[in-house]
Structures are given as structure tokens and as C-alpha cells.
């Protein structure tokens, strides 16, 4: 793609006018025939991050959202896409299949948290921005988040770093608050992230 074509695509993704929305859907229809690989993944990510339900549905047609990117080798860029997308939107703004795509990346890479941390060392804000989607009350999203948090909760047993123990502790507290009716997730995750 030449520079003018690249600028056109970038301008399409930077606007949410009706024309841009239609262009993104048409672009997603065209691009959905491409296979996911290291060269195309950034375009798939842009379409998902754009958060247009029609465009996302086109990309995900006949594909499982939570395993959408599992064909790719884990990378810092893929993790950053997941965390930045989850943090960019309020919990009720990001299209649920897009949430599943991001959670699938995190679940896949952090199944073994020590392995995942080699690519990207999590922050507490990353944990909060991921856990805020528990408020959606979607069973599949809940399962992925709880599994992700349980994996992180096991970090304290594997690692003596105090920062990782803090991540582990916060993950455990969120799980407890989620399952304990006498506790609220709002008492752990800052309101600035939940609102």
C-alpha cells in the first residue's frame, strides 16, 4: 500500500462519521478473507478496536472470538492491544465479542502467568480494566476473566517479587468480591475505571 492509501485507511479509523463507519464495515468485509498472521494482525486489531459491531461480526463470522488470535505467537504488541482496547472503553461500551477477543489473548498468554510476564509485566490498572468487564454479567466473559485472575492469583506461589504478590493479591480480592454477595467489586476497582 502506498502512503496515500495508508493515510486513507488511517483517516477512516480515526473518524466515527456515518461515512467512516460504512467504510470500516466494507473494509472489514474485504479484509475478512485474509488469514491472520503477523503481517495482517495489526489491521484485524484496528478493526476490532474501532468497535463497530457490524465490522466485528464480519471479521468473526465462523470464528470463535476468544481464540481469534491464538494462531499468532505471543507478543508484547498483542498483549498491549488487548489491554489498551479493554482500558479505552467503559465496561458497557465495548462490543462483547471484542471483549472476548481481548480476553482470549490474555487467557492464552497468561495461562502460565510467569510465561506471560516475560512478554509484558502487568500493572494493577491492567487488572482493574480487565476485571471491570465482570459487570457485564456475560457468562463467557465472566469465565475468561475469572480464569485469568485465578492464574494471576497463583503468582504469589511461583514468584517472590513483591510487585507480583500485589498483582496476585488484587486478583484474589476481585475473585472474592465477585463470588461473595456481601462484597462488591466496586469496593476494589476504582470508580474512575468503572464509570
Protein backbone atom coordinates (compact mmCIF):
# COMPACT_ATOMS: atom_id res chain seq x y z
CA UNK A 1 0.00 0.00 0.00
CA UNK A 2 1.40 3.42 -0.89
CA UNK A 3 1.47 6.37 1.50
CA UNK A 4 -1.79 7.88 0.22
CA UNK A 5 -3.59 4.55 0.67
CA UNK A 6 -2.21 4.23 4.18
CA UNK A 7 -3.36 7.77 5.05
CA UNK A 8 -6.85 6.99 3.73
CA UNK A 9 -7.13 3.86 5.90
CA UNK A 10 -5.80 5.73 8.95
CA UNK A 11 -8.28 8.58 8.45
CA UNK A 12 -11.12 6.06 8.14
CA UNK A 13 -10.21 4.55 11.53
CA UNK A 14 -9.82 7.94 13.20
CA UNK A 15 -13.39 9.06 12.50
CA UNK A 16 -16.80 7.81 13.56
CA UNK A 17 -18.87 9.65 10.97
CA UNK A 18 -21.56 7.57 9.22
CA UNK A 19 -19.36 7.51 6.11
CA UNK A 20 -16.33 6.27 8.06
CA UNK A 21 -18.44 3.65 9.84
CA UNK A 22 -19.70 2.34 6.48
CA UNK A 23 -16.17 2.37 5.07
CA UNK A 24 -14.87 0.35 8.05
CA UNK A 25 -17.61 -2.25 7.57
CA UNK A 26 -16.82 -2.51 3.85
CA UNK A 27 -13.09 -2.73 4.63
CA UNK A 28 -13.79 -5.47 7.21
CA UNK A 29 -15.81 -7.42 4.62
CA UNK A 30 -12.89 -7.26 2.22
CA UNK A 31 -10.26 -7.99 4.85
CA UNK A 32 -12.15 -10.90 6.44
CA UNK A 33 -10.95 -13.16 3.63
CA UNK A 34 -7.32 -12.63 4.69
CA UNK A 35 -5.74 -15.09 7.08
CA UNK A 36 -4.48 -13.89 10.43
CA UNK A 37 -0.71 -13.71 10.56
CA UNK A 38 1.98 -11.34 11.81
CA UNK A 39 1.60 -9.12 8.75
CA UNK A 40 -2.20 -8.80 8.90
CA UNK A 41 -2.85 -8.90 12.65
CA UNK A 42 -2.44 -5.14 13.15
CA UNK A 43 -5.25 -4.49 10.63
CA UNK A 44 -7.53 -7.02 12.34
CA UNK A 45 -6.70 -5.29 15.63
CA UNK A 46 -7.59 -1.85 14.22
CA UNK A 47 -10.97 -3.12 13.02
CA UNK A 48 -11.75 -4.70 16.40
CA UNK A 49 -10.54 -1.68 18.34
CA UNK A 50 -12.72 0.58 16.17
CA UNK A 51 -15.64 -1.09 17.98
CA UNK A 52 -18.17 -1.23 15.17
CA UNK A 53 -20.44 -4.22 15.81
CA UNK A 54 -21.13 -4.86 12.09
CA UNK A 55 -17.42 -4.80 11.20
CA UNK A 56 -16.54 -7.07 14.13
CA UNK A 57 -19.31 -9.51 13.22
CA UNK A 58 -17.96 -9.70 9.67
CA UNK A 59 -14.45 -10.48 10.94
CA UNK A 60 -15.64 -13.04 13.46
CA UNK A 61 -18.06 -14.85 11.14
CA UNK A 62 -17.45 -18.58 11.65
CA UNK A 63 -14.65 -17.81 14.11
CA UNK A 64 -14.56 -18.13 17.88
CA UNK A 65 -13.83 -14.67 19.37
CA UNK A 66 -11.81 -15.91 22.34
CA UNK A 67 -9.49 -17.93 20.11
CA UNK A 68 -9.38 -15.40 17.26
CA UNK A 69 -5.66 -14.51 17.67
CA UNK A 70 -4.38 -17.81 19.13
CA UNK A 71 -2.77 -18.72 15.80
CA UNK A 72 -0.22 -15.96 16.47
CA UNK A 73 2.85 -16.35 18.64
CA UNK A 74 2.50 -14.40 21.90
CA UNK A 75 3.99 -10.92 21.71
CA UNK A 76 4.12 -7.72 23.68
CA UNK A 77 2.25 -5.93 20.86
CA UNK A 78 -0.64 -8.42 21.03
CA UNK A 79 -0.88 -8.07 24.82
CA UNK A 80 -0.78 -4.27 24.58
CA UNK A 81 -3.59 -4.39 22.01
CA UNK A 82 -5.74 -6.41 24.42
CA UNK A 83 -5.08 -4.27 27.49
CA UNK A 84 -5.30 -0.93 25.67
CA UNK A 85 -8.57 -1.90 24.00
CA UNK A 86 -10.09 -3.05 27.29
CA UNK A 87 -8.96 0.15 29.01
CA UNK A 88 -10.04 2.52 26.22
CA UNK A 89 -13.75 1.82 26.70
CA UNK A 90 -16.16 1.79 29.61
CA UNK A 91 -17.34 -1.69 30.53
CA UNK A 92 -20.69 -1.20 28.76
CA UNK A 93 -19.29 0.47 25.60
CA UNK A 94 -17.02 -2.17 24.08
CA UNK A 95 -18.89 -4.68 21.92
CA UNK A 96 -18.97 -8.00 23.81
CA UNK A 97 -17.34 -10.07 21.03
CA UNK A 98 -14.46 -7.55 21.04
CA UNK A 99 -14.16 -8.05 24.80
CA UNK A 100 -13.99 -11.81 24.18
CA UNK A 101 -11.22 -11.34 21.58
CA UNK A 102 -9.14 -9.35 24.08
CA UNK A 103 -9.80 -11.74 26.95
CA UNK A 104 -8.92 -14.70 24.74
CA UNK A 105 -5.50 -13.16 24.08
CA UNK A 106 -4.89 -12.62 27.80
CA UNK A 107 -6.14 -16.06 28.79
CA UNK A 108 -3.97 -17.73 26.17
CA UNK A 109 -0.80 -15.85 27.08
CA UNK A 110 -1.25 -15.76 30.87
CA UNK A 111 -2.38 -19.42 31.32
CA UNK A 112 1.08 -19.67 32.74
CA UNK A 113 1.50 -16.20 34.26
CA UNK A 114 5.29 -16.44 34.55
CA UNK A 115 5.40 -17.11 30.80
CA UNK A 116 3.09 -14.17 30.07
CA UNK A 117 5.06 -11.81 32.28
CA UNK A 118 8.14 -12.45 30.14
CA UNK A 119 6.29 -10.65 27.34
CA UNK A 120 4.57 -7.98 29.38
CA UNK A 121 4.67 -7.29 33.09
CA UNK A 122 1.13 -6.42 34.15
CA UNK A 123 0.14 -3.32 36.05
CA UNK A 124 -2.59 -3.06 38.64
CA UNK A 125 -4.51 -0.82 36.22
CA UNK A 126 -4.40 -3.64 33.64
CA UNK A 127 -6.05 -5.94 36.19
CA UNK A 128 -8.72 -3.38 37.07
CA UNK A 129 -9.52 -2.58 33.43
CA UNK A 130 -9.88 -6.29 32.68
CA UNK A 131 -11.96 -7.09 35.75
CA UNK A 132 -14.40 -4.19 35.16
CA UNK A 133 -16.00 -6.31 32.42
CA UNK A 134 -17.36 -8.64 35.13
CA UNK A 135 -20.12 -6.05 35.42
CA UNK A 136 -21.45 -7.16 32.02
CA UNK A 137 -22.83 -10.34 33.60
CA UNK A 138 -21.96 -12.36 30.49
CA UNK A 139 -21.16 -15.96 31.39
CA UNK A 140 -18.39 -16.49 28.81
CA UNK A 141 -16.75 -13.16 29.66
CA UNK A 142 -17.01 -13.98 33.35
CA UNK A 143 -15.37 -17.41 32.84
CA UNK A 144 -12.43 -15.92 30.93
CA UNK A 145 -11.87 -13.12 33.44
CA UNK A 146 -12.10 -15.42 36.46
CA UNK A 147 -9.72 -17.91 34.84
CA UNK A 148 -7.28 -15.08 34.02
CA UNK A 149 -7.49 -13.74 37.59
CA UNK A 150 -7.08 -17.21 39.10
CA UNK A 151 -3.92 -17.70 37.06
CA UNK A 152 -2.59 -14.36 38.33
CA UNK A 153 -3.67 -15.20 41.88
CA UNK A 154 -1.31 -18.20 41.71
CA UNK A 155 1.65 -15.87 41.06
CA UNK A 156 2.40 -15.47 44.77
CA UNK A 157 3.15 -19.19 44.96
CA UNK A 158 5.51 -19.01 41.99
CA UNK A 159 7.31 -15.74 42.48
CA UNK A 160 8.76 -13.84 45.42
CA UNK A 161 8.66 -10.40 43.84
CA UNK A 162 6.51 -8.09 45.97
CA UNK A 163 5.03 -6.42 42.86
CA UNK A 164 3.80 -9.80 41.59
CA UNK A 165 2.46 -10.61 45.05
CA UNK A 166 0.45 -7.37 44.85
CA UNK A 167 -0.97 -8.40 41.44
CA UNK A 168 -1.77 -11.82 42.92
CA UNK A 169 -3.46 -10.30 45.97
CA UNK A 170 -5.59 -7.87 43.95
CA UNK A 171 -6.62 -10.68 41.59
CA UNK A 172 -7.68 -12.80 44.57
CA UNK A 173 -9.60 -9.91 46.12
CA UNK A 174 -11.53 -9.32 42.89
CA UNK A 175 -12.44 -13.01 42.66
CA UNK A 176 -13.60 -12.98 46.29
CA UNK A 177 -15.69 -9.86 45.77
CA UNK A 178 -17.24 -11.33 42.65
CA UNK A 179 -18.41 -14.51 44.39
CA UNK A 180 -19.14 -13.14 47.85
CA UNK A 181 -22.59 -11.46 47.96
CA UNK A 182 -21.54 -9.42 50.99
CA UNK A 183 -18.77 -7.73 48.97
CA UNK A 184 -18.88 -5.52 45.92
CA UNK A 185 -16.40 -5.29 43.09
CA UNK A 186 -16.83 -1.51 43.34
CA UNK A 187 -15.03 -1.62 46.69
CA UNK A 188 -11.87 -2.87 44.95
CA UNK A 189 -11.85 -1.35 41.45
CA UNK A 190 -11.61 2.45 41.50
CA UNK A 191 -14.79 4.25 40.46
CA UNK A 192 -12.83 6.20 37.81
CA UNK A 193 -12.27 2.89 35.99
CA UNK A 194 -15.80 1.56 36.48
CA UNK A 195 -17.59 4.71 35.34
